[in-house]
Amino acid sequence: MPVPTLRSRVITAADVQADPTAQEGSYLSKVVRYIPGEVVAAYLVAYNALAAAPKVPLETILWIVVGVLTLVTPFWILFATADPNKPRPYYQAVAAMISFVIWVFALPASPFAMQSWYQPVYGFLMLLLGTFLMPILEKVFVKPSSPALPV
């Protein structure tokens, strides 16, 4: 199973009519912005290593990789990227964890895609939902910082 590439170009209506997967690529790139690059890279490296290894229970180990990375993602946001001069980014930590699961769910190279019930349209719908909900939820849960008062 080849690992898909992420597209980062602007998608036009003409692109979507010519290639319906173009829209899926744009949603995928929007959701992946919430996920730390190290987590995305870790999944892709793990997948490629497992897919190339003979006699490895790919699906089982991928579930473990997804579970571990899902749990590690919020801690990575909260501690590894913490700025001591700013409040902890709790919303971003939760959004990154949810976005990671959505991203993996949408990939054709995932343990979800290996399930008999899975259809690629489910991944597209999750990407669509995540793309629209994450910014709205961010506006609801993240209060803008008040401007500094002159001294």
N, C-alpha and C. Protein backbone atom coordinates (compact mmCIF):
# COMPACT_ATOMS: atom_id res chain seq x y z
N MET A 1 0.84 -1.18 0.00
CA MET A 1 0.00 0.00 0.00
C MET A 1 0.89 1.25 0.00
N PRO A 2 0.87 2.09 -1.01
CA PRO A 2 1.72 3.28 -1.04
C PRO A 2 1.20 4.34 -0.08
N VAL A 3 2.12 5.10 0.49
CA VAL A 3 1.74 6.18 1.39
C VAL A 3 1.39 7.39 0.55
N PRO A 4 0.21 7.98 0.79
CA PRO A 4 -0.20 9.12 -0.02
C PRO A 4 0.64 10.35 0.27
N THR A 5 0.69 11.23 -0.69
CA THR A 5 1.38 12.51 -0.49
C THR A 5 0.34 13.57 -0.18
N LEU A 6 0.75 14.56 0.58
CA LEU A 6 -0.15 15.65 0.93
C LEU A 6 0.04 16.78 -0.08
N ARG A 7 -1.06 17.31 -0.54
CA ARG A 7 -0.98 18.43 -1.48
C ARG A 7 -1.10 19.73 -0.71
N SER A 8 -0.37 20.76 -1.13
CA SER A 8 -0.42 22.02 -0.41
C SER A 8 -0.71 23.19 -1.35
N ARG A 9 -1.35 22.92 -2.49
CA ARG A 9 -1.65 24.00 -3.41
C ARG A 9 -3.09 24.45 -3.23
N VAL A 10 -3.42 25.59 -3.79
CA VAL A 10 -4.79 26.10 -3.74
C VAL A 10 -5.63 25.29 -4.71
N ILE A 11 -6.81 24.88 -4.25
CA ILE A 11 -7.70 24.07 -5.06
C ILE A 11 -8.83 24.95 -5.58
N THR A 12 -9.07 24.91 -6.88
CA THR A 12 -10.15 25.69 -7.48
C THR A 12 -11.33 24.78 -7.80
N ALA A 13 -12.48 25.38 -8.10
CA ALA A 13 -13.66 24.59 -8.47
C ALA A 13 -13.39 23.76 -9.72
N ALA A 14 -12.63 24.32 -10.65
CA ALA A 14 -12.30 23.58 -11.87
C ALA A 14 -11.46 22.35 -11.54
N ASP A 15 -10.54 22.49 -10.55
CA ASP A 15 -9.74 21.34 -10.13
C ASP A 15 -10.62 20.23 -9.59
N VAL A 16 -11.62 20.61 -8.78
CA VAL A 16 -12.50 19.62 -8.17
C VAL A 16 -13.33 18.91 -9.23
N GLN A 17 -13.81 19.66 -10.23
CA GLN A 17 -14.58 19.03 -11.30
C GLN A 17 -13.71 18.08 -12.11
N ALA A 18 -12.47 18.48 -12.37
CA ALA A 18 -11.57 17.63 -13.15
C ALA A 18 -11.08 16.43 -12.34
N ASP A 19 -10.85 16.65 -11.04
CA ASP A 19 -10.31 15.60 -10.17
C ASP A 19 -10.94 15.73 -8.79
N PRO A 20 -12.00 14.96 -8.50
CA PRO A 20 -12.67 15.08 -7.20
C PRO A 20 -11.76 14.83 -6.00
N THR A 21 -10.65 14.11 -6.19
CA THR A 21 -9.74 13.88 -5.06
C THR A 21 -8.96 15.14 -4.71
N ALA A 22 -8.97 16.15 -5.58
CA ALA A 22 -8.28 17.40 -5.29
C ALA A 22 -8.87 18.07 -4.06
N GLN A 23 -10.19 18.00 -3.92
CA GLN A 23 -10.84 18.61 -2.76
C GLN A 23 -10.44 17.86 -1.49
N GLU A 24 -10.37 16.55 -1.56
CA GLU A 24 -9.96 15.77 -0.40
C GLU A 24 -8.55 16.16 0.03
N GLY A 25 -7.66 16.38 -0.93
CA GLY A 25 -6.30 16.80 -0.62
C GLY A 25 -6.24 18.13 0.09
N SER A 26 -7.12 19.06 -0.30
CA SER A 26 -7.10 20.37 0.36
C SER A 26 -7.61 20.25 1.79
N TYR A 27 -8.63 19.42 2.02
CA TYR A 27 -9.12 19.23 3.39
C TYR A 27 -8.07 18.52 4.24
N LEU A 28 -7.38 17.56 3.65
CA LEU A 28 -6.33 16.84 4.35
C LEU A 28 -5.23 17.80 4.80
N SER A 29 -4.84 18.72 3.93
CA SER A 29 -3.79 19.67 4.30
C SER A 29 -4.26 20.64 5.37
N LYS A 30 -5.55 20.98 5.39
CA LYS A 30 -6.06 21.88 6.43
C LYS A 30 -6.06 21.21 7.79
N VAL A 31 -6.47 19.94 7.83
CA VAL A 31 -6.50 19.22 9.09
C VAL A 31 -5.08 18.97 9.61
N VAL A 32 -4.16 18.67 8.72
CA VAL A 32 -2.80 18.34 9.14
C VAL A 32 -2.08 19.55 9.74
N ARG A 33 -2.55 20.75 9.49
CA ARG A 33 -1.93 21.94 10.10
C ARG A 33 -2.03 21.94 11.61
N TYR A 34 -3.03 21.29 12.16
CA TYR A 34 -3.19 21.22 13.60
C TYR A 34 -2.24 20.21 14.24
N ILE A 35 -1.70 19.30 13.45
CA ILE A 35 -0.88 18.20 13.98
C ILE A 35 0.59 18.58 13.89
N PRO A 36 1.35 18.36 14.96
CA PRO A 36 2.80 18.64 14.88
C PRO A 36 3.44 17.79 13.77
N GLY A 37 4.33 18.39 13.04
CA GLY A 37 5.01 17.71 11.94
C GLY A 37 5.74 16.45 12.40
N GLU A 38 6.25 16.47 13.63
CA GLU A 38 6.97 15.31 14.15
C GLU A 38 6.04 14.10 14.29
N VAL A 39 4.78 14.34 14.64
CA VAL A 39 3.82 13.24 14.80
C VAL A 39 3.46 12.67 13.43
N VAL A 40 3.23 13.54 12.47
CA VAL A 40 2.93 13.10 11.10
C VAL A 40 4.12 12.30 10.56
N ALA A 41 5.31 12.83 10.74
CA ALA A 41 6.52 12.15 10.26
C ALA A 41 6.69 10.79 10.95
N ALA A 42 6.44 10.73 12.24
CA ALA A 42 6.57 9.47 12.97
C ALA A 42 5.62 8.42 12.41
N TYR A 43 4.38 8.81 12.13
CA TYR A 43 3.43 7.84 11.57
C TYR A 43 3.90 7.37 10.19
N LEU A 44 4.30 8.31 9.34
CA LEU A 44 4.70 7.94 7.98
C LEU A 44 5.95 7.06 7.97
N VAL A 45 6.90 7.36 8.86
CA VAL A 45 8.11 6.53 8.95
C VAL A 45 7.74 5.13 9.46
N ALA A 46 6.89 5.09 10.49
CA ALA A 46 6.47 3.78 11.03
C ALA A 46 5.73 2.97 9.97
N TYR A 47 4.82 3.62 9.26
CA TYR A 47 4.07 2.90 8.23
C TYR A 47 5.01 2.36 7.16
N ASN A 48 5.91 3.19 6.66
CA ASN A 48 6.83 2.74 5.60
C ASN A 48 7.72 1.60 6.08
N ALA A 49 8.20 1.69 7.31
CA ALA A 49 9.06 0.63 7.85
C ALA A 49 8.28 -0.67 7.99
N LEU A 50 7.05 -0.57 8.50
CA LEU A 50 6.23 -1.77 8.69
C LEU A 50 5.80 -2.38 7.36
N ALA A 51 5.43 -1.53 6.40
CA ALA A 51 4.98 -2.02 5.10
C ALA A 51 6.10 -2.73 4.36
N ALA A 52 7.34 -2.33 4.61
CA ALA A 52 8.48 -2.94 3.94
C ALA A 52 8.98 -4.20 4.64
N ALA A 53 8.54 -4.40 5.88
CA ALA A 53 9.03 -5.56 6.64
C ALA A 53 8.19 -6.79 6.33
N PRO A 54 8.86 -7.88 5.98
CA PRO A 54 8.10 -9.11 5.70
C PRO A 54 7.64 -9.77 7.01
N LYS A 55 6.53 -10.45 6.93
CA LYS A 55 6.01 -11.24 8.04
C LYS A 55 5.75 -10.43 9.30
N VAL A 56 5.29 -9.21 9.14
CA VAL A 56 4.96 -8.36 10.28
C VAL A 56 3.45 -8.18 10.29
N PRO A 57 2.81 -8.31 11.46
CA PRO A 57 1.36 -8.09 11.51
C PRO A 57 1.06 -6.59 11.37
N LEU A 58 1.04 -6.12 10.13
CA LEU A 58 0.94 -4.69 9.82
C LEU A 58 -0.23 -4.02 10.53
N GLU A 59 -1.41 -4.58 10.41
CA GLU A 59 -2.59 -3.94 10.99
C GLU A 59 -2.47 -3.79 12.52
N THR A 60 -2.06 -4.84 13.18
CA THR A 60 -1.94 -4.81 14.65
C THR A 60 -0.93 -3.76 15.10
N ILE A 61 0.22 -3.76 14.48
CA ILE A 61 1.25 -2.81 14.89
C ILE A 61 0.84 -1.38 14.53
N LEU A 62 0.17 -1.19 13.40
CA LEU A 62 -0.31 0.16 13.06
C LEU A 62 -1.32 0.66 14.10
N TRP A 63 -2.20 -0.22 14.60
CA TRP A 63 -3.12 0.21 15.65
C TRP A 63 -2.34 0.67 16.88
N ILE A 64 -1.29 -0.04 17.22
CA ILE A 64 -0.46 0.36 18.37
C ILE A 64 0.20 1.70 18.10
N VAL A 65 0.76 1.88 16.91
CA VAL A 65 1.40 3.14 16.54
C VAL A 65 0.40 4.29 16.62
N VAL A 66 -0.79 4.10 16.06
CA VAL A 66 -1.82 5.14 16.10
C VAL A 66 -2.21 5.46 17.54
N GLY A 67 -2.38 4.44 18.36
CA GLY A 67 -2.74 4.65 19.77
C GLY A 67 -1.67 5.43 20.52
N VAL A 68 -0.42 5.02 20.36
CA VAL A 68 0.68 5.70 21.05
C VAL A 68 0.80 7.15 20.57
N LEU A 69 0.77 7.36 19.26
CA LEU A 69 0.91 8.73 18.75
C LEU A 69 -0.28 9.60 19.13
N THR A 70 -1.47 9.01 19.21
CA THR A 70 -2.64 9.78 19.65
C THR A 70 -2.45 10.25 21.08
N LEU A 71 -1.92 9.38 21.94
CA LEU A 71 -1.70 9.76 23.33
C LEU A 71 -0.52 10.71 23.51
N VAL A 72 0.49 10.58 22.67
CA VAL A 72 1.68 11.43 22.79
C VAL A 72 1.43 12.84 22.25
N THR A 73 0.57 12.98 21.25
CA THR A 73 0.37 14.27 20.58
C THR A 73 0.04 15.42 21.53
N PRO A 74 -0.95 15.31 22.43
CA PRO A 74 -1.23 16.46 23.29
C PRO A 74 -0.06 16.80 24.22
N PHE A 75 0.66 15.78 24.68
CA PHE A 75 1.81 16.06 25.54
C PHE A 75 2.93 16.76 24.76
N TRP A 76 3.06 16.39 23.50
CA TRP A 76 4.06 17.05 22.65
C TRP A 76 3.71 18.54 22.53
N ILE A 77 2.45 18.83 22.30
CA ILE A 77 2.00 20.23 22.18
C ILE A 77 2.20 20.96 23.50
N LEU A 78 1.82 20.34 24.61
CA LEU A 78 1.85 21.02 25.91
C LEU A 78 3.25 21.20 26.48
N PHE A 79 4.14 20.25 26.23
CA PHE A 79 5.43 20.31 26.90
C PHE A 79 6.62 20.51 25.96
N ALA A 80 6.66 19.83 24.86
CA ALA A 80 7.81 19.94 23.97
C ALA A 80 7.84 21.27 23.24
N THR A 81 6.67 21.85 22.99
CA THR A 81 6.63 23.12 22.26
C THR A 81 6.23 24.28 23.17
N ALA A 82 6.27 24.06 24.49
CA ALA A 82 5.81 25.08 25.43
C ALA A 82 6.71 26.30 25.43
N ASP A 83 6.07 27.45 25.50
CA ASP A 83 6.76 28.72 25.65
C ASP A 83 6.50 29.16 27.09
N PRO A 84 7.55 29.31 27.91
CA PRO A 84 7.33 29.64 29.32
C PRO A 84 6.65 31.00 29.52
N ASN A 85 6.67 31.85 28.51
CA ASN A 85 6.07 33.17 28.63
C ASN A 85 4.61 33.21 28.19
N LYS A 86 4.07 32.07 27.79
CA LYS A 86 2.70 32.02 27.32
C LYS A 86 1.93 30.95 28.07
N PRO A 87 0.60 31.08 28.13
CA PRO A 87 -0.19 30.02 28.77
C PRO A 87 -0.14 28.74 27.95
N ARG A 88 -0.37 27.64 28.63
CA ARG A 88 -0.34 26.35 27.93
C ARG A 88 -1.46 26.29 26.89
N PRO A 89 -1.15 25.80 25.69
CA PRO A 89 -2.15 25.74 24.61
C PRO A 89 -3.03 24.48 24.70
N TYR A 90 -3.93 24.47 25.67
CA TYR A 90 -4.76 23.27 25.89
C TYR A 90 -5.66 22.97 24.69
N TYR A 91 -6.28 24.00 24.11
CA TYR A 91 -7.14 23.73 22.96
C TYR A 91 -6.33 23.12 21.82
N GLN A 92 -5.17 23.69 21.55
CA GLN A 92 -4.34 23.18 20.45
C GLN A 92 -3.92 21.73 20.71
N ALA A 93 -3.69 21.38 21.98
CA ALA A 93 -3.30 20.01 22.31
C ALA A 93 -4.43 19.03 21.99
N VAL A 94 -5.65 19.39 22.39
CA VAL A 94 -6.80 18.53 22.11
C VAL A 94 -7.10 18.51 20.61
N ALA A 95 -7.04 19.68 19.97
CA ALA A 95 -7.30 19.76 18.52
C ALA A 95 -6.28 18.94 17.74
N ALA A 96 -5.04 18.96 18.16
CA ALA A 96 -4.00 18.19 17.48
C ALA A 96 -4.27 16.70 17.60
N MET A 97 -4.69 16.27 18.78
CA MET A 97 -4.98 14.85 18.99
C MET A 97 -6.15 14.40 18.12
N ILE A 98 -7.23 15.18 18.12
CA ILE A 98 -8.40 14.85 17.31
C ILE A 98 -8.05 14.90 15.83
N SER A 99 -7.31 15.92 15.43
CA SER A 99 -6.92 16.06 14.03
C SER A 99 -6.05 14.91 13.57
N PHE A 100 -5.18 14.43 14.45
CA PHE A 100 -4.34 13.28 14.09
C PHE A 100 -5.20 12.06 13.79
N VAL A 101 -6.19 11.80 14.64
CA VAL A 101 -7.06 10.65 14.42
C VAL A 101 -7.85 10.82 13.12
N ILE A 102 -8.35 12.03 12.87
CA ILE A 102 -9.08 12.29 11.62
C ILE A 102 -8.16 12.07 10.42
N TRP A 103 -6.95 12.58 10.51
CA TRP A 103 -5.98 12.45 9.42
C TRP A 103 -5.69 10.98 9.13
N VAL A 104 -5.42 10.20 10.18
CA VAL A 104 -5.14 8.78 9.99
C VAL A 104 -6.37 8.08 9.42
N PHE A 105 -7.55 8.44 9.91
CA PHE A 105 -8.79 7.82 9.43
C PHE A 105 -8.95 8.05 7.92
N ALA A 106 -8.53 9.21 7.44
CA ALA A 106 -8.70 9.56 6.03
C ALA A 106 -7.64 8.96 5.12
N LEU A 107 -6.52 8.52 5.68
CA LEU A 107 -5.45 7.97 4.86
C LEU A 107 -5.81 6.59 4.33
N PRO A 108 -5.49 6.33 3.07
CA PRO A 108 -5.69 4.97 2.57
C PRO A 108 -4.66 4.00 3.15
N ALA A 109 -3.62 4.52 3.77
CA ALA A 109 -2.58 3.70 4.38
C ALA A 109 -2.73 3.77 5.90
N SER A 110 -3.84 3.26 6.40
CA SER A 110 -4.09 3.31 7.84
C SER A 110 -4.77 2.03 8.29
N PRO A 111 -4.75 1.77 9.58
CA PRO A 111 -5.44 0.57 10.06
C PRO A 111 -6.96 0.69 9.90
N PHE A 112 -7.49 1.90 9.85
CA PHE A 112 -8.92 2.06 9.60
C PHE A 112 -9.27 1.55 8.20
N ALA A 113 -8.44 1.93 7.24
CA ALA A 113 -8.69 1.55 5.85
C ALA A 113 -8.59 0.04 5.63
N MET A 114 -8.00 -0.66 6.58
CA MET A 114 -7.86 -2.11 6.47
C MET A 114 -9.09 -2.85 6.98
N GLN A 115 -10.06 -2.11 7.51
CA GLN A 115 -11.27 -2.73 8.04
C GLN A 115 -12.26 -2.99 6.91
N SER A 116 -13.03 -4.05 7.02
CA SER A 116 -13.97 -4.42 5.96
C SER A 116 -15.09 -3.39 5.79
N TRP A 117 -15.47 -2.69 6.84
CA TRP A 117 -16.56 -1.71 6.79
C TRP A 117 -16.11 -0.36 6.21
N TYR A 118 -14.80 -0.13 6.17
CA TYR A 118 -14.28 1.19 5.79
C TYR A 118 -14.49 1.47 4.30
N GLN A 119 -14.95 2.68 4.03
CA GLN A 119 -15.06 3.20 2.66
C GLN A 119 -14.32 4.53 2.62
N PRO A 120 -13.56 4.84 1.56
CA PRO A 120 -12.82 6.11 1.48
C PRO A 120 -13.70 7.34 1.70
N VAL A 121 -14.97 7.27 1.34
CA VAL A 121 -15.84 8.42 1.52
C VAL A 121 -15.99 8.77 3.01
N TYR A 122 -15.86 7.78 3.90
CA TYR A 122 -15.94 8.06 5.33
C TYR A 122 -14.79 8.97 5.76
N GLY A 123 -13.61 8.69 5.24
CA GLY A 123 -12.46 9.54 5.55
C GLY A 123 -12.65 10.95 5.03
N PHE A 124 -13.18 11.06 3.82
CA PHE A 124 -13.43 12.38 3.25
C PHE A 124 -14.44 13.15 4.10
N LEU A 125 -15.49 12.48 4.54
CA LEU A 125 -16.50 13.15 5.37
C LEU A 125 -15.92 13.59 6.72
N MET A 126 -15.06 12.77 7.30
CA MET A 126 -14.40 13.16 8.55
C MET A 126 -13.48 14.36 8.34
N LEU A 127 -12.76 14.38 7.22
CA LEU A 127 -11.91 15.53 6.90
C LEU A 127 -12.75 16.79 6.76
N LEU A 128 -13.85 16.67 6.07
CA LEU A 128 -14.76 17.79 5.87
C LEU A 128 -15.25 18.33 7.21
N LEU A 129 -15.71 17.43 8.06
CA LEU A 129 -16.22 17.81 9.37
C LEU A 129 -15.13 18.46 10.23
N GLY A 130 -13.96 17.84 10.26
CA GLY A 130 -12.85 18.39 11.04
C GLY A 130 -12.39 19.74 10.54
N THR A 131 -12.35 19.91 9.22
CA THR A 131 -11.91 21.17 8.64
C THR A 131 -12.83 22.32 9.03
N PHE A 132 -14.12 22.05 9.06
CA PHE A 132 -15.06 23.11 9.40
C PHE A 132 -15.23 23.30 10.90
N LEU A 133 -15.14 22.24 11.67
CA LEU A 133 -15.38 22.37 13.11
C LEU A 133 -14.19 22.91 13.90
N MET A 134 -12.98 22.53 13.55
CA MET A 134 -11.81 22.96 14.33
C MET A 134 -11.69 24.48 14.45
N PRO A 135 -11.79 25.25 13.37
CA PRO A 135 -11.69 26.70 13.52
C PRO A 135 -12.85 27.29 14.33
N ILE A 136 -14.04 26.72 14.18
CA ILE A 136 -15.19 27.22 14.94
C ILE A 136 -14.98 26.94 16.42
N LEU A 137 -14.59 25.73 16.75
CA LEU A 137 -14.35 25.37 18.14
C LEU A 137 -13.21 26.20 18.74
N GLU A 138 -12.22 26.51 17.92
CA GLU A 138 -11.12 27.35 18.41
C GLU A 138 -11.62 28.72 18.81
N LYS A 139 -12.52 29.29 18.02
CA LYS A 139 -13.08 30.61 18.37
C LYS A 139 -13.92 30.54 19.64
N VAL A 140 -14.57 29.40 19.87
CA VAL A 140 -15.40 29.23 21.06
C VAL A 140 -14.54 29.04 22.31
N PHE A 141 -13.50 28.21 22.22
CA PHE A 141 -12.75 27.82 23.40
C PHE A 141 -11.48 28.62 23.67
N VAL A 142 -10.94 29.27 22.68
CA VAL A 142 -9.71 30.03 22.88
C VAL A 142 -10.06 31.51 22.94
N LYS A 143 -9.87 32.06 24.12
CA LYS A 143 -10.16 33.48 24.31
C LYS A 143 -8.95 34.29 23.84
N PRO A 144 -9.22 35.37 23.07
CA PRO A 144 -8.08 36.19 22.63
C PRO A 144 -7.43 36.85 23.83
N SER A 145 -6.11 36.91 23.77
CA SER A 145 -5.38 37.53 24.89
C SER A 145 -5.63 39.04 24.85
N SER A 146 -5.77 39.60 26.02
CA SER A 146 -6.01 41.04 26.08
C SER A 146 -4.72 41.79 25.77
N PRO A 147 -4.84 42.92 25.09
CA PRO A 147 -3.63 43.66 24.75
C PRO A 147 -2.96 44.20 26.02
N ALA A 148 -1.65 44.29 25.95
CA ALA A 148 -0.89 44.80 27.10
C ALA A 148 -1.23 46.26 27.35
N LEU A 149 -1.41 46.58 28.61
CA LEU A 149 -1.72 47.96 28.97
C LEU A 149 -0.41 48.76 29.05
N PRO A 150 -0.47 50.02 28.59
CA PRO A 150 0.76 50.83 28.68
C PRO A 150 1.09 51.10 30.15
N VAL A 151 2.35 51.14 30.45
CA VAL A 151 2.79 51.37 31.83
C VAL A 151 3.16 52.81 32.03
